C-alpha atoms as a PDB file:
ATOM      1  CA  MET A   1       7.586  20.504  -9.303  1.00  0.00           C
ATOM      2  CA  ILE A   2       8.470  21.183 -12.743  1.00  0.00           C
ATOM      3  CA  LEU A   3      10.749  18.960 -15.574  1.00  0.00           C
ATOM      4  CA  ALA A   4      11.895  20.755 -18.309  1.00  0.00           C
ATOM      5  CA  VAL A   5      12.853  18.510 -21.488  1.00  0.00           C
ATOM      6  CA  ARG A   6      13.961  20.132 -24.826  1.00  0.00           C
ATOM      7  CA  VAL A   7      12.604  17.899 -27.585  1.00  0.00           C
ATOM      8  CA  GLY A   8      13.560  19.171 -31.497  1.00  0.00           C
ATOM      9  CA  ASN A   9      10.016  17.797 -32.998  1.00  0.00           C
ATOM     10  CA  SER A  10       7.147  20.012 -31.499  1.00  0.00           C
ATOM     11  CA  THR A  11       4.590  18.556 -34.476  1.00  0.00           C
ATOM     12  CA  ALA A  12       4.197  15.265 -32.857  1.00  0.00           C
ATOM     13  CA  PHE A  13       2.430  17.446 -30.324  1.00  0.00           C
ATOM     14  CA  SER A  14      -0.480  17.842 -32.551  1.00  0.00           C
ATOM     15  CA  GLU A  15      -1.035  13.957 -32.942  1.00  0.00           C
ATOM     16  CA  GLY A  16      -4.055  13.319 -29.892  1.00  0.00           C
ATOM     17  CA  PRO A  17      -3.031   9.104 -29.396  1.00  0.00           C
ATOM     18  CA  GLU A  18       0.768  10.375 -28.973  1.00  0.00           C
ATOM     19  CA  ILE A  19      -0.373  12.686 -26.314  1.00  0.00           C
ATOM     20  CA  ARG A  20      -2.574  10.251 -24.658  1.00  0.00           C
ATOM     21  CA  ARG A  21       0.143   8.115 -24.702  1.00  0.00           C
ATOM     22  CA  MET A  22       2.339  10.623 -22.996  1.00  0.00           C
ATOM     23  CA  GLU A  23       0.073  11.693 -20.518  1.00  0.00           C
ATOM     24  CA  ASP A  24       0.014   7.990 -18.993  1.00  0.00           C
ATOM     25  CA  GLY A  25       3.793   7.117 -19.433  1.00  0.00           C
ATOM     26  CA  CYS A  26       5.009  10.137 -17.330  1.00  0.00           C
ATOM     27  CA  TRP A  27       6.325   8.901 -14.198  1.00  0.00           C
ATOM     28  CA  MET A  28       8.681   9.763 -11.353  1.00  0.00           C
ATOM     29  CA  ARG A  29      10.290   7.666  -9.201  1.00  0.00           C
ATOM     30  CA  VAL A  30      11.364   7.242  -5.946  1.00  0.00           C
ATOM     31  CA  PRO A  31      12.300   4.554  -3.493  1.00  0.00           C
ATOM     32  CA  ARG A  32       8.974   4.390  -2.292  1.00  0.00           C
ATOM     33  CA  GLY A  33       6.519   4.563  -5.143  1.00  0.00           C
ATOM     34  CA  ARG A  34       6.167   7.214  -8.504  1.00  0.00           C
ATOM     35  CA  VAL A  35       4.233   9.830  -8.713  1.00  0.00           C
ATOM     36  CA  LYS A  36       2.380  10.534 -12.611  1.00  0.00           C
ATOM     37  CA  ALA A  37       2.756  13.654 -14.047  1.00  0.00           C
ATOM     38  CA  THR A  38      -0.518  16.099 -13.629  1.00  0.00           C
ATOM     39  CA  ALA A  39       0.065  18.308 -16.243  1.00  0.00           C
ATOM     40  CA  TYR A  40       1.978  19.160 -19.314  1.00  0.00           C
ATOM     41  CA  PHE A  41       3.240  22.372 -21.605  1.00  0.00           C
ATOM     42  CA  PRO A  42       4.129  21.026 -25.081  1.00  0.00           C
ATOM     43  CA  PRO A  43       6.824  22.507 -26.785  1.00  0.00           C
ATOM     44  CA  SER A  44       5.874  25.359 -29.096  1.00  0.00           C
ATOM     45  CA  SER A  45       8.049  26.865 -32.371  1.00  0.00           C
ATOM     46  CA  ARG A  46       9.753  29.653 -30.213  1.00  0.00           C
ATOM     47  CA  ASP A  47      10.211  27.226 -26.944  1.00  0.00           C
ATOM     48  CA  PRO A  48      11.281  23.970 -27.650  1.00  0.00           C
ATOM     49  CA  TYR A  49      11.459  22.685 -23.921  1.00  0.00           C
ATOM     50  CA  LEU A  50       7.884  20.304 -23.094  1.00  0.00           C
ATOM     51  CA  ARG A  51       7.449  20.944 -19.425  1.00  0.00           C
ATOM     52  CA  LEU A  52       5.877  18.048 -17.277  1.00  0.00           C
ATOM     53  CA  ALA A  53       4.588  18.436 -13.980  1.00  0.00           C
ATOM     54  CA  PHE A  54       4.209  16.570 -10.601  1.00  0.00           C
ATOM     55  CA  PRO A  55       2.379  17.309  -7.445  1.00  0.00           C
ATOM     56  CA  ARG A  56       4.497  18.956  -4.805  1.00  0.00           C
ATOM     57  CA  ASN A  57       2.711  17.676  -2.076  1.00  0.00           C
ATOM     58  CA  LEU A  58       2.795  13.465  -3.174  1.00  0.00           C
ATOM     59  CA  ILE A  59       6.562  14.033  -3.602  1.00  0.00           C
ATOM     60  CA  ASN A  60       7.157  15.209  -0.361  1.00  0.00           C
ATOM     61  CA  ASN A  61       5.341  12.246   1.449  1.00  0.00           C
ATOM     62  CA  LEU A  62       7.499   9.814  -0.461  1.00  0.00           C
ATOM     63  CA  VAL A  63      11.255  11.727  -1.025  1.00  0.00           C
ATOM     64  CA  THR A  64      13.087  12.313   2.710  1.00  0.00           C
ATOM     65  CA  THR A  65      16.640  13.766   3.144  1.00  0.00           C
ATOM     66  CA  GLU A  66      17.806   9.983   3.057  1.00  0.00           C
ATOM     67  CA  GLU A  67      16.755   9.112  -0.331  1.00  0.00           C
ATOM     68  CA  LYS A  68      19.816   9.110  -2.993  1.00  0.00           C
ATOM     69  CA  TYR A  69      17.964   9.317  -5.899  1.00  0.00           C
ATOM     70  CA  LEU A  70      15.152  10.763  -7.918  1.00  0.00           C
ATOM     71  CA  GLY A  71      14.304   9.019 -11.370  1.00  0.00           C
ATOM     72  CA  PHE A  72      11.983   9.451 -14.297  1.00  0.00           C
ATOM     73  CA  ASP A  73      10.253   7.218 -16.689  1.00  0.00           C
ATOM     74  CA  LEU A  74       9.038   9.216 -19.845  1.00  0.00           C
ATOM     75  CA  TYR A  75       7.443   8.582 -23.210  1.00  0.00           C
ATOM     76  CA  LEU A  76       8.264  11.713 -25.043  1.00  0.00           C
ATOM     77  CA  PRO A  77       6.205  12.277 -28.650  1.00  0.00           C
ATOM     78  CA  GLY A  78       8.247  12.630 -31.515  1.00  0.00           C
ATOM     79  CA  VAL A  79      11.680  11.607 -29.569  1.00  0.00           C
ATOM     80  CA  ALA A  80      13.396   8.356 -31.103  1.00  0.00           C
ATOM     81  CA  GLY A  81      12.916   5.371 -28.519  1.00  0.00           C
ATOM     82  CA  PRO A  82      10.020   7.129 -27.563  1.00  0.00           C
ATOM     83  CA  TYR A  83      10.821   5.554 -23.739  1.00  0.00           C
ATOM     84  CA  ARG A  84      13.134   7.483 -21.860  1.00  0.00           C
ATOM     85  CA  GLU A  85      14.715   7.213 -18.285  1.00  0.00           C
ATOM     86  CA  VAL A  86      16.571  10.009 -16.462  1.00  0.00           C
ATOM     87  CA  GLN A  87      17.886   9.830 -12.762  1.00  0.00           C
ATOM     88  CA  PHE A  88      18.970  12.661 -10.654  1.00  0.00           C
ATOM     89  CA  THR A  89      21.108  12.384  -7.091  1.00  0.00           C
ATOM     90  CA  LEU A  90      19.309  14.378  -4.427  1.00  0.00           C
ATOM     91  CA  LYS A  91      21.955  16.051  -3.799  1.00  0.00           C
ATOM     92  CA  GLU A  92      21.814  18.358  -7.475  1.00  0.00           C
ATOM     93  CA  ILE A  93      18.424  19.467  -6.273  1.00  0.00           C
ATOM     94  CA  MET A  94      19.205  20.079  -2.574  1.00  0.00           C
ATOM     95  CA  VAL A  95      18.896  23.953  -1.650  1.00  0.00           C
ATOM     96  CA  GLU A  96      19.859  24.832   2.388  1.00  0.00           C
ATOM     97  CA  GLY A  97      20.224  20.980   3.353  1.00  0.00           C
ATOM     98  CA  ARG A  98      16.985  19.456   1.918  1.00  0.00           C
ATOM     99  CA  PRO A  99      15.608  18.741  -1.429  1.00  0.00           C
ATOM    100  CA  GLU A 100      13.999  21.611  -3.179  1.00  0.00           C
ATOM    101  CA  LEU A 101      10.985  20.311  -4.919  1.00  0.00           C
END
């Protein structure tokens, strides 16, 4: 599963400590656990989106159709805060009656 996040400051992705902090601080929350992001694709001057990859096989084991929400806890270099939380209803990502993860 890929989560795309628009970030305005791609220069923050050139700092080693910020990247390590992001790698340790990006999680997907489900009612029965958490899944750490396994890869990322940084933004560039032509593409302002950070993409975070989460392993589908772990997600499918933790998420059922009875769940209502899927959340993310994110550390984003160069974004004011810098911790962010986002939550989606599973209904928003349903395809043919099941979560498209």
